[in-house]
PDB file of N, CA and C in Angstrom:
ATOM      1  N   MET A   1     -11.521 155.820 118.021  1.00  0.00           N
ATOM      2  CA  MET A   1     -10.164 155.562 117.581  1.00  0.00           C
ATOM      3  C   MET A   1     -10.108 154.320 116.703  1.00  0.00           C
ATOM      4  N   TYR A   2     -10.961 153.351 116.954  1.00  0.00           N
ATOM      5  CA  TYR A   2     -10.933 152.106 116.190  1.00  0.00           C
ATOM      6  C   TYR A   2     -11.685 152.269 114.883  1.00  0.00           C
ATOM      7  N   SER A   3     -11.012 151.961 113.803  1.00  0.00           N
ATOM      8  CA  SER A   3     -11.634 151.923 112.492  1.00  0.00           C
ATOM      9  C   SER A   3     -10.884 150.887 111.663  1.00  0.00           C
ATOM     10  N   LYS A   4     -11.628 149.967 111.057  1.00  0.00           N
ATOM     11  CA  LYS A   4     -10.979 148.959 110.214  1.00  0.00           C
ATOM     12  C   LYS A   4     -10.164 149.608 109.102  1.00  0.00           C
ATOM     13  N   ASP A   5     -10.518 150.823 108.736  1.00  0.00           N
ATOM     14  CA  ASP A   5      -9.769 151.533 107.701  1.00  0.00           C
ATOM     15  C   ASP A   5      -8.311 151.754 108.105  1.00  0.00           C
ATOM     16  N   ASN A   6      -8.050 151.803 109.413  1.00  0.00           N
ATOM     17  CA  ASN A   6      -6.675 151.990 109.872  1.00  0.00           C
ATOM     18  C   ASN A   6      -5.755 150.863 109.421  1.00  0.00           C
ATOM     19  N   LEU A   7      -6.325 149.673 109.224  1.00  0.00           N
ATOM     20  CA  LEU A   7      -5.492 148.554 108.772  1.00  0.00           C
ATOM     21  C   LEU A   7      -4.896 148.814 107.390  1.00  0.00           C
ATOM     22  N   SER A   8      -5.541 149.666 106.614  1.00  0.00           N
ATOM     23  CA  SER A   8      -5.014 149.999 105.292  1.00  0.00           C
ATOM     24  C   SER A   8      -3.727 150.828 105.392  1.00  0.00           C
ATOM     25  N   LYS A   9      -3.405 151.296 106.581  1.00  0.00           N
ATOM     26  CA  LYS A   9      -2.192 152.085 106.801  1.00  0.00           C
ATOM     27  C   LYS A   9      -0.972 151.218 107.109  1.00  0.00           C
ATOM     28  N   LEU A  10      -1.181 149.921 107.262  1.00  0.00           N
ATOM     29  CA  LEU A  10      -0.053 149.038 107.562  1.00  0.00           C
ATOM     30  C   LEU A  10       1.037 149.078 106.489  1.00  0.00           C
ATOM     31  N   PRO A  11       0.685 149.132 105.210  1.00  0.00           N
ATOM     32  CA  PRO A  11       1.757 149.228 104.212  1.00  0.00           C
ATOM     33  C   PRO A  11       2.652 150.455 104.413  1.00  0.00           C
ATOM     34  N   ARG A  12       2.072 151.553 104.842  1.00  0.00           N
ATOM     35  CA  ARG A  12       2.879 152.759 105.096  1.00  0.00           C
ATOM     36  C   ARG A  12       3.870 152.510 106.216  1.00  0.00           C
ATOM     37  N   MET A  13       3.432 151.814 107.255  1.00  0.00           N
ATOM     38  CA  MET A  13       4.352 151.485 108.338  1.00  0.00           C
ATOM     39  C   MET A  13       5.496 150.625 107.803  1.00  0.00           C
ATOM     40  N   GLY A  14       5.150 149.719 106.887  1.00  0.00           N
ATOM     41  CA  GLY A  14       6.174 148.885 106.268  1.00  0.00           C
ATOM     42  C   GLY A  14       7.156 149.687 105.438  1.00  0.00           C
ATOM     43  N   GLU A  15       6.678 150.740 104.777  1.00  0.00           N
ATOM     44  CA  GLU A  15       7.567 151.613 104.016  1.00  0.00           C
ATOM     45  C   GLU A  15       8.513 152.377 104.935  1.00  0.00           C
ATOM     46  N   LEU A  16       7.997 152.793 106.075  1.00  0.00           N
ATOM     47  CA  LEU A  16       8.788 153.595 107.009  1.00  0.00           C
ATOM     48  C   LEU A  16       9.775 152.764 107.824  1.00  0.00           C
ATOM     49  N   ALA A  17       9.445 151.505 108.068  1.00  0.00           N
ATOM     50  CA  ALA A  17      10.316 150.609 108.842  1.00  0.00           C
ATOM     51  C   ALA A  17      10.295 149.230 108.189  1.00  0.00           C
ATOM     52  N   PRO A  18      10.851 149.109 106.980  1.00  0.00           N
ATOM     53  CA  PRO A  18      10.707 147.872 106.210  1.00  0.00           C
ATOM     54  C   PRO A  18      11.308 146.633 106.873  1.00  0.00           C
ATOM     55  N   GLU A  19      12.484 146.759 107.458  1.00  0.00           N
ATOM     56  CA  GLU A  19      13.123 145.587 108.063  1.00  0.00           C
ATOM     57  C   GLU A  19      12.319 145.080 109.256  1.00  0.00           C
ATOM     58  N   ALA A  20      11.876 145.995 110.094  1.00  0.00           N
ATOM     59  CA  ALA A  20      11.095 145.603 111.273  1.00  0.00           C
ATOM     60  C   ALA A  20       9.771 144.976 110.858  1.00  0.00           C
ATOM     61  N   MET A  21       9.100 145.570 109.867  1.00  0.00           N
ATOM     62  CA  MET A  21       7.800 145.053 109.444  1.00  0.00           C
ATOM     63  C   MET A  21       7.949 143.691 108.777  1.00  0.00           C
ATOM     64  N   THR A  22       8.955 143.535 107.948  1.00  0.00           N
ATOM     65  CA  THR A  22       9.191 142.247 107.292  1.00  0.00           C
ATOM     66  C   THR A  22       9.500 141.175 108.330  1.00  0.00           C
ATOM     67  N   THR A  23      10.310 141.526 109.296  1.00  0.00           N
ATOM     68  CA  THR A  23      10.662 140.580 110.362  1.00  0.00           C
ATOM     69  C   THR A  23       9.443 140.222 111.199  1.00  0.00           C
ATOM     70  N   PHE A  24       8.628 141.232 111.548  1.00  0.00           N
ATOM     71  CA  PHE A  24       7.413 140.972 112.315  1.00  0.00           C
ATOM     72  C   PHE A  24       6.487 140.037 111.556  1.00  0.00           C
ATOM     73  N   ARG A  25       6.248 140.324 110.280  1.00  0.00           N
ATOM     74  CA  ARG A  25       5.324 139.495 109.499  1.00  0.00           C
ATOM     75  C   ARG A  25       5.812 138.061 109.405  1.00  0.00           C
ATOM     76  N   ALA A  26       7.112 137.873 109.217  1.00  0.00           N
ATOM     77  CA  ALA A  26       7.667 136.516 109.135  1.00  0.00           C
ATOM     78  C   ALA A  26       7.504 135.788 110.470  1.00  0.00           C
ATOM     79  N   TYR A  27       7.774 136.495 111.561  1.00  0.00           N
ATOM     80  CA  TYR A  27       7.632 135.885 112.885  1.00  0.00           C
ATOM     81  C   TYR A  27       6.169 135.549 113.170  1.00  0.00           C
ATOM     82  N   ASP A  28       5.281 136.472 112.871  1.00  0.00           N
ATOM     83  CA  ASP A  28       3.849 136.259 113.092  1.00  0.00           C
ATOM     84  C   ASP A  28       3.371 135.036 112.303  1.00  0.00           C
ATOM     85  N   LYS A  29       3.775 134.948 111.055  1.00  0.00           N
ATOM     86  CA  LYS A  29       3.385 133.818 110.202  1.00  0.00           C
ATOM     87  C   LYS A  29       3.919 132.501 110.772  1.00  0.00           C
ATOM     88  N   ALA A  30       5.178 132.492 111.197  1.00  0.00           N
ATOM     89  CA  ALA A  30       5.775 131.277 111.748  1.00  0.00           C
ATOM     90  C   ALA A  30       5.113 130.880 113.069  1.00  0.00           C
ATOM     91  N   ALA A  31       4.840 131.855 113.920  1.00  0.00           N
ATOM     92  CA  ALA A  31       4.250 131.564 115.232  1.00  0.00           C
ATOM     93  C   ALA A  31       2.845 130.983 115.100  1.00  0.00           C
ATOM     94  N   LEU A  32       2.107 131.418 114.089  1.00  0.00           N
ATOM     95  CA  LEU A  32       0.716 130.987 113.942  1.00  0.00           C
ATOM     96  C   LEU A  32       0.547 129.804 112.990  1.00  0.00           C
ATOM     97  N   ALA A  33       1.626 129.359 112.383  1.00  0.00           N
ATOM     98  CA  ALA A  33       1.542 128.209 111.477  1.00  0.00           C
ATOM     99  C   ALA A  33       1.283 126.931 112.274  1.00  0.00           C
ATOM    100  N   GLY A  34       0.635 125.983 111.634  1.00  0.00           N
ATOM    101  CA  GLY A  34       0.418 124.695 112.287  1.00  0.00           C
ATOM    102  C   GLY A  34       1.748 124.030 112.597  1.00  0.00           C
ATOM    103  N   GLY A  35       1.786 123.317 113.672  1.00  0.00           N
ATOM    104  CA  GLY A  35       2.986 122.604 114.111  1.00  0.00           C
ATOM    105  C   GLY A  35       2.547 121.559 115.115  1.00  0.00           C
ATOM    106  N   ALA A  36       3.250 121.474 116.230  1.00  0.00           N
ATOM    107  CA  ALA A  36       2.827 120.569 117.297  1.00  0.00           C
ATOM    108  C   ALA A  36       1.421 120.955 117.762  1.00  0.00           C
ATOM    109  N   ILE A  37       1.138 122.240 117.702  1.00  0.00           N
ATOM    110  CA  ILE A  37      -0.214 122.736 117.976  1.00  0.00           C
ATOM    111  C   ILE A  37      -0.826 123.106 116.627  1.00  0.00           C
ATOM    112  N   PRO A  38      -1.949 122.504 116.265  1.00  0.00           N
ATOM    113  CA  PRO A  38      -2.575 122.814 114.980  1.00  0.00           C
ATOM    114  C   PRO A  38      -2.980 124.292 114.880  1.00  0.00           C
ATOM    115  N   LYS A  39      -2.985 124.815 113.660  1.00  0.00           N
ATOM    116  CA  LYS A  39      -3.338 126.215 113.410  1.00  0.00           C
ATOM    117  C   LYS A  39      -4.683 126.582 114.042  1.00  0.00           C
ATOM    118  N   LYS A  40      -5.644 125.688 113.972  1.00  0.00           N
ATOM    119  CA  LYS A  40      -6.967 125.948 114.546  1.00  0.00           C
ATOM    120  C   LYS A  40      -6.851 126.356 116.019  1.00  0.00           C
ATOM    121  N   TYR A  41      -6.049 125.632 116.772  1.00  0.00           N
ATOM    122  CA  TYR A  41      -5.918 125.917 118.200  1.00  0.00           C
ATOM    123  C   TYR A  41      -5.081 127.171 118.444  1.00  0.00           C
ATOM    124  N   LYS A  42      -4.091 127.411 117.578  1.00  0.00           N
ATOM    125  CA  LYS A  42      -3.314 128.638 117.715  1.00  0.00           C
ATOM    126  C   LYS A  42      -4.196 129.856 117.478  1.00  0.00           C
ATOM    127  N   GLU A  43      -5.114 129.766 116.535  1.00  0.00           N
ATOM    128  CA  GLU A  43      -6.024 130.890 116.284  1.00  0.00           C
ATOM    129  C   GLU A  43      -6.971 131.095 117.460  1.00  0.00           C
ATOM    130  N   LEU A  44      -7.417 130.013 118.084  1.00  0.00           N
ATOM    131  CA  LEU A  44      -8.252 130.164 119.290  1.00  0.00           C
ATOM    132  C   LEU A  44      -7.454 130.826 120.413  1.00  0.00           C
ATOM    133  N   MET A  45      -6.182 130.468 120.546  1.00  0.00           N
ATOM    134  CA  MET A  45      -5.328 131.117 121.548  1.00  0.00           C
ATOM    135  C   MET A  45      -5.176 132.601 121.221  1.00  0.00           C
ATOM    136  N   ALA A  46      -4.987 132.894 119.940  1.00  0.00           N
ATOM    137  CA  ALA A  46      -4.839 134.290 119.523  1.00  0.00           C
ATOM    138  C   ALA A  46      -6.099 135.081 119.830  1.00  0.00           C
ATOM    139  N   ILE A  47      -7.249 134.479 119.622  1.00  0.00           N
ATOM    140  CA  ILE A  47      -8.512 135.157 119.946  1.00  0.00           C
ATOM    141  C   ILE A  47      -8.607 135.403 121.442  1.00  0.00           C
ATOM    142  N   ALA A  48      -8.242 134.420 122.242  1.00  0.00           N
ATOM    143  CA  ALA A  48      -8.296 134.597 123.700  1.00  0.00           C
ATOM    144  C   ALA A  48      -7.382 135.739 124.140  1.00  0.00           C
ATOM    145  N   VAL A  49      -6.194 135.800 123.586  1.00  0.00           N
ATOM    146  CA  VAL A  49      -5.280 136.894 123.927  1.00  0.00           C
ATOM    147  C   VAL A  49      -5.847 138.225 123.441  1.00  0.00           C
ATOM    148  N   ALA A  50      -6.374 138.237 122.222  1.00  0.00           N
ATOM    149  CA  ALA A  50      -6.941 139.471 121.671  1.00  0.00           C
ATOM    150  C   ALA A  50      -8.130 139.955 122.500  1.00  0.00           C
ATOM    151  N   LEU A  51      -8.943 139.031 122.991  1.00  0.00           N
ATOM    152  CA  LEU A  51     -10.054 139.416 123.867  1.00  0.00           C
ATOM    153  C   LEU A  51      -9.525 139.981 125.180  1.00  0.00           C
ATOM    154  N   THR A  52      -8.435 139.419 125.671  1.00  0.00           N
ATOM    155  CA  THR A  52      -7.838 139.893 126.916  1.00  0.00           C
ATOM    156  C   THR A  52      -7.231 141.279 126.741  1.00  0.00           C
ATOM    157  N   THR A  53      -6.507 141.479 125.636  1.00  0.00           N
ATOM    158  CA  THR A  53      -5.893 142.788 125.393  1.00  0.00           C
ATOM    159  C   THR A  53      -6.896 143.771 124.814  1.00  0.00           C
ATOM    160  N   GLN A  54      -8.048 143.253 124.421  1.00  0.00           N
ATOM    161  CA  GLN A  54      -9.155 144.026 123.859  1.00  0.00           C
ATOM    162  C   GLN A  54      -8.739 144.795 122.605  1.00  0.00           C
ATOM    163  N   CYS A  55      -7.999 144.093 121.734  1.00  0.00           N
ATOM    164  CA  CYS A  55      -7.588 144.664 120.453  1.00  0.00           C
ATOM    165  C   CYS A  55      -8.611 144.281 119.384  1.00  0.00           C
ATOM    166  N   PRO A  56      -9.460 145.207 118.969  1.00  0.00           N
ATOM    167  CA  PRO A  56     -10.500 144.868 118.003  1.00  0.00           C
ATOM    168  C   PRO A  56      -9.936 144.420 116.656  1.00  0.00           C
ATOM    169  N   TYR A  57      -8.783 144.961 116.274  1.00  0.00           N
ATOM    170  CA  TYR A  57      -8.167 144.539 115.020  1.00  0.00           C
ATOM    171  C   TYR A  57      -7.768 143.069 115.092  1.00  0.00           C
ATOM    172  N   CYS A  58      -7.094 142.711 116.180  1.00  0.00           N
ATOM    173  CA  CYS A  58      -6.643 141.326 116.359  1.00  0.00           C
ATOM    174  C   CYS A  58      -7.830 140.367 116.466  1.00  0.00           C
ATOM    175  N   ILE A  59      -8.867 140.780 117.174  1.00  0.00           N
ATOM    176  CA  ILE A  59     -10.048 139.933 117.303  1.00  0.00           C
ATOM    177  C   ILE A  59     -10.589 139.601 115.921  1.00  0.00           C
ATOM    178  N   GLU A  60     -10.734 140.607 115.079  1.00  0.00           N
ATOM    179  CA  GLU A  60     -11.308 140.387 113.750  1.00  0.00           C
ATOM    180  C   GLU A  60     -10.381 139.592 112.835  1.00  0.00           C
ATOM    181  N   VAL A  61      -9.119 139.926 112.819  1.00  0.00           N
ATOM    182  CA  VAL A  61      -8.162 139.198 111.970  1.00  0.00           C
ATOM    183  C   VAL A  61      -8.124 137.725 112.363  1.00  0.00           C
ATOM    184  N   HIS A  62      -8.042 137.460 113.660  1.00  0.00           N
ATOM    185  CA  HIS A  62      -7.922 136.067 114.106  1.00  0.00           C
ATOM    186  C   HIS A  62      -9.252 135.325 114.041  1.00  0.00           C
ATOM    187  N   ARG A  63     -10.367 136.030 114.139  1.00  0.00           N
ATOM    188  CA  ARG A  63     -11.669 135.388 113.922  1.00  0.00           C
ATOM    189  C   ARG A  63     -11.745 134.859 112.493  1.00  0.00           C
ATOM    190  N   LYS A  64     -11.360 135.681 111.551  1.00  0.00           N
ATOM    191  CA  LYS A  64     -11.386 135.245 110.149  1.00  0.00           C
ATOM    192  C   LYS A  64     -10.464 134.058 109.918  1.00  0.00           C
ATOM    193  N   GLU A  65      -9.262 134.123 110.479  1.00  0.00           N
ATOM    194  CA  GLU A  65      -8.310 133.021 110.309  1.00  0.00           C
ATOM    195  C   GLU A  65      -8.796 131.754 111.014  1.00  0.00           C
ATOM    196  N   ALA A  66      -9.430 131.917 112.151  1.00  0.00           N
ATOM    197  CA  ALA A  66      -9.964 130.766 112.883  1.00  0.00           C
ATOM    198  C   ALA A  66     -11.054 130.069 112.077  1.00  0.00           C
ATOM    199  N   ILE A  67     -11.936 130.848 111.492  1.00  0.00           N
ATOM    200  CA  ILE A  67     -13.004 130.272 110.669  1.00  0.00           C
ATOM    201  C   ILE A  67     -12.393 129.503 109.498  1.00  0.00           C
ATOM    202  N   LYS A  68     -11.388 130.091 108.844  1.00  0.00           N
ATOM    203  CA  LYS A  68     -10.701 129.404 107.741  1.00  0.00           C
ATOM    204  C   LYS A  68     -10.075 128.097 108.206  1.00  0.00           C
ATOM    205  N   ALA A  69      -9.617 128.081 109.458  1.00  0.00           N
ATOM    206  CA  ALA A  69      -8.961 126.893 110.012  1.00  0.00           C
ATOM    207  C   ALA A  69      -9.959 125.863 110.529  1.00  0.00           C
ATOM    208  N   GLY A  70     -11.264 126.161 110.410  1.00  0.00           N
ATOM    209  CA  GLY A  70     -12.277 125.190 110.803  1.00  0.00           C
ATOM    210  C   GLY A  70     -12.877 125.363 112.176  1.00  0.00           C
ATOM    211  N   VAL A  71     -12.628 126.467 112.819  1.00  0.00           N
ATOM    212  CA  VAL A  71     -13.196 126.719 114.141  1.00  0.00           C
ATOM    213  C   VAL A  71     -14.707 126.922 114.011  1.00  0.00           C
ATOM    214  N   THR A  72     -15.444 126.347 114.937  1.00  0.00           N
ATOM    215  CA  THR A  72     -16.906 126.473 114.941  1.00  0.00           C
ATOM    216  C   THR A  72     -17.336 127.619 115.856  1.00  0.00           C
ATOM    217  N   GLU A  73     -18.585 128.031 115.707  1.00  0.00           N
ATOM    218  CA  GLU A  73     -19.109 129.069 116.596  1.00  0.00           C
ATOM    219  C   GLU A  73     -19.147 128.594 118.040  1.00  0.00           C
ATOM    220  N   GLN A  74     -19.390 127.318 118.247  1.00  0.00           N
ATOM    221  CA  GLN A  74     -19.379 126.791 119.611  1.00  0.00           C
ATOM    222  C   GLN A  74     -17.985 126.915 120.218  1.00  0.00           C
ATOM    223  N   GLU A  75     -16.947 126.624 119.425  1.00  0.00           N
ATOM    224  CA  GLU A  75     -15.576 126.773 119.926  1.00  0.00           C
ATOM    225  C   GLU A  75     -15.254 128.235 120.213  1.00  0.00           C
ATOM    226  N   LEU A  76     -15.748 129.138 119.370  1.00  0.00           N
ATOM    227  CA  LEU A  76     -15.546 130.565 119.630  1.00  0.00           C
ATOM    228  C   LEU A  76     -16.221 130.971 120.939  1.00  0.00           C
ATOM    229  N   ALA A  77     -17.449 130.501 121.138  1.00  0.00           N
ATOM    230  CA  ALA A  77     -18.176 130.837 122.369  1.00  0.00           C
ATOM    231  C   ALA A  77     -17.439 130.321 123.603  1.00  0.00           C
ATOM    232  N   GLU A  78     -16.936 129.087 123.535  1.00  0.00           N
ATOM    233  CA  GLU A  78     -16.206 128.537 124.676  1.00  0.00           C
ATOM    234  C   GLU A  78     -14.914 129.307 124.921  1.00  0.00           C
ATOM    235  N   THR A  79     -14.272 129.756 123.849  1.00  0.00           N
ATOM    236  CA  THR A  79     -13.059 130.555 123.991  1.00  0.00           C
ATOM    237  C   THR A  79     -13.352 131.865 124.701  1.00  0.00           C
ATOM    238  N   VAL A  80     -14.481 132.478 124.376  1.00  0.00           N
ATOM    239  CA  VAL A  80     -14.891 133.717 125.060  1.00  0.00           C
ATOM    240  C   VAL A  80     -15.026 133.458 126.559  1.00  0.00           C
ATOM    241  N   HIS A  81     -15.635 132.336 126.923  1.00  0.00           N
ATOM    242  CA  HIS A  81     -15.849 132.051 128.342  1.00  0.00           C
ATOM    243  C   HIS A  81     -14.556 131.688 129.059  1.00  0.00           C
ATOM    244  N   VAL A  82     -13.656 130.999 128.395  1.00  0.00           N
ATOM    245  CA  VAL A  82     -12.347 130.723 129.003  1.00  0.00           C
ATOM    246  C   VAL A  82     -11.637 132.047 129.279  1.00  0.00           C
ATOM    247  N   THR A  83     -11.663 132.936 128.300  1.00  0.00           N
ATOM    248  CA  THR A  83     -11.026 134.245 128.462  1.00  0.00           C
ATOM    249  C   THR A  83     -11.652 135.018 129.614  1.00  0.00           C
ATOM    250  N   ALA A  84     -12.973 135.045 129.655  1.00  0.00           N
ATOM    251  CA  ALA A  84     -13.675 135.777 130.719  1.00  0.00           C
ATOM    252  C   ALA A  84     -13.357 135.198 132.093  1.00  0.00           C
ATOM    253  N   ALA A  85     -13.304 133.883 132.183  1.00  0.00           N
ATOM    254  CA  ALA A  85     -13.006 133.236 133.469  1.00  0.00           C
ATOM    255  C   ALA A  85     -11.600 133.593 133.945  1.00  0.00           C
ATOM    256  N   LEU A  86     -10.645 133.605 133.033  1.00  0.00           N
ATOM    257  CA  LEU A  86      -9.275 133.933 133.426  1.00  0.00           C
ATOM    258  C   LEU A  86      -9.137 135.396 133.806  1.00  0.00           C
ATOM    259  N   ARG A  87      -9.835 136.267 133.099  1.00  0.00           N
ATOM    260  CA  ARG A  87      -9.788 137.680 133.468  1.00  0.00           C
ATOM    261  C   ARG A  87     -10.426 137.884 134.837  1.00  0.00           C
ATOM    262  N   ALA A  88     -11.533 137.206 135.085  1.00  0.00           N
ATOM    263  CA  ALA A  88     -12.192 137.315 136.392  1.00  0.00           C
ATOM    264  C   ALA A  88     -11.287 136.753 137.480  1.00  0.00           C
ATOM    265  N   GLY A  89     -10.636 135.634 137.188  1.00  0.00           N
ATOM    266  CA  GLY A  89      -9.719 135.037 138.158  1.00  0.00           C
ATOM    267  C   GLY A  89      -8.585 135.984 138.512  1.00  0.00           C
ATOM    268  N   GLY A  90      -8.099 136.710 137.509  1.00  0.00           N
ATOM    269  CA  GLY A  90      -7.046 137.696 137.761  1.00  0.00           C
ATOM    270  C   GLY A  90      -7.521 138.786 138.704  1.00  0.00           C
ATOM    271  N   ALA A  91      -8.750 139.242 138.505  1.00  0.00           N
ATOM    272  CA  ALA A  91      -9.302 140.278 139.389  1.00  0.00           C
ATOM    273  C   ALA A  91      -9.452 139.748 140.810  1.00  0.00           C
ATOM    274  N   ILE A  92      -9.924 138.520 140.931  1.00  0.00           N
ATOM    275  CA  ILE A  92     -10.118 137.926 142.264  1.00  0.00           C
ATOM    276  C   ILE A  92      -8.769 137.771 142.976  1.00  0.00           C
ATOM    277  N   THR A  93      -7.783 137.194 142.297  1.00  0.00           N
ATOM    278  CA  THR A  93      -6.498 136.965 142.959  1.00  0.00           C
ATOM    279  C   THR A  93      -5.764 138.275 143.237  1.00  0.00           C
ATOM    280  N   HIS A  94      -5.859 139.239 142.336  1.00  0.00           N
ATOM    281  CA  HIS A  94      -5.238 140.537 142.612  1.00  0.00           C
ATOM    282  C   HIS A  94      -5.978 141.273 143.720  1.00  0.00           C
ATOM    283  N   GLY A  95      -7.246 140.956 143.888  1.00  0.00           N
ATOM    284  CA  GLY A  95      -8.022 141.544 144.966  1.00  0.00           C
ATOM    285  C   GLY A  95      -7.474 141.198 146.340  1.00  0.00           C
ATOM    286  N   THR A  96      -6.740 140.115 146.455  1.00  0.00           N
ATOM    287  CA  THR A  96      -6.158 139.730 147.741  1.00  0.00           C
ATOM    288  C   THR A  96      -5.136 140.752 148.217  1.00  0.00           C
ATOM    289  N   HIS A  97      -4.620 141.546 147.305  1.00  0.00           N
ATOM    290  CA  HIS A  97      -3.640 142.588 147.690  1.00  0.00           C
ATOM    291  C   HIS A  97      -4.292 143.718 148.474  1.00  0.00           C
ATOM    292  N   LEU A  98      -5.599 143.744 148.479  1.00  0.00           N
ATOM    293  CA  LEU A  98      -6.309 144.806 149.184  1.00  0.00           C
ATOM    294  C   LEU A  98      -6.359 144.609 150.693  1.00  0.00           C
ATOM    295  N   PHE A  99      -6.082 143.391 151.141  1.00  0.00           N
ATOM    296  CA  PHE A  99      -6.251 143.062 152.548  1.00  0.00           C
ATOM    297  C   PHE A  99      -4.922 142.981 153.265  1.00  0.00           C
ATOM    298  N   GLU A 100      -4.911 143.411 154.517  1.00  0.00           N
ATOM    299  CA  GLU A 100      -3.670 143.462 155.283  1.00  0.00           C
ATOM    300  C   GLU A 100      -3.275 142.132 155.893  1.00  0.00           C
ATOM    301  N   GLY A 101      -4.182 141.319 156.234  1.00  0.00           N
ATOM    302  CA  GLY A 101      -3.767 140.148 156.985  1.00  0.00           C
ATOM    303  C   GLY A 101      -4.246 138.887 156.519  1.00  0.00           C
TER     304      GLY A 101
END
């Protein structure tokens, strides 16, 4: 199902729902712009979320933006481990629902 070629279909979605797509793009741009949190760190957050949701499109888009923002491979590696630790923690804590007492 995943193919980078699918991203070329985004303009069609914009044609079919122009107001929603324009609004989404503006919001996405504003949310990821540097502010109190620098763009570099916002892109690392986006990568962590993308790894959690396992969206290959988002992973690739935000990897490219992170590199442009100055993120190093070491920072990417640490972000992967933070994401993995939180996902594992979720499994452990949700695992407590399995026990009666």
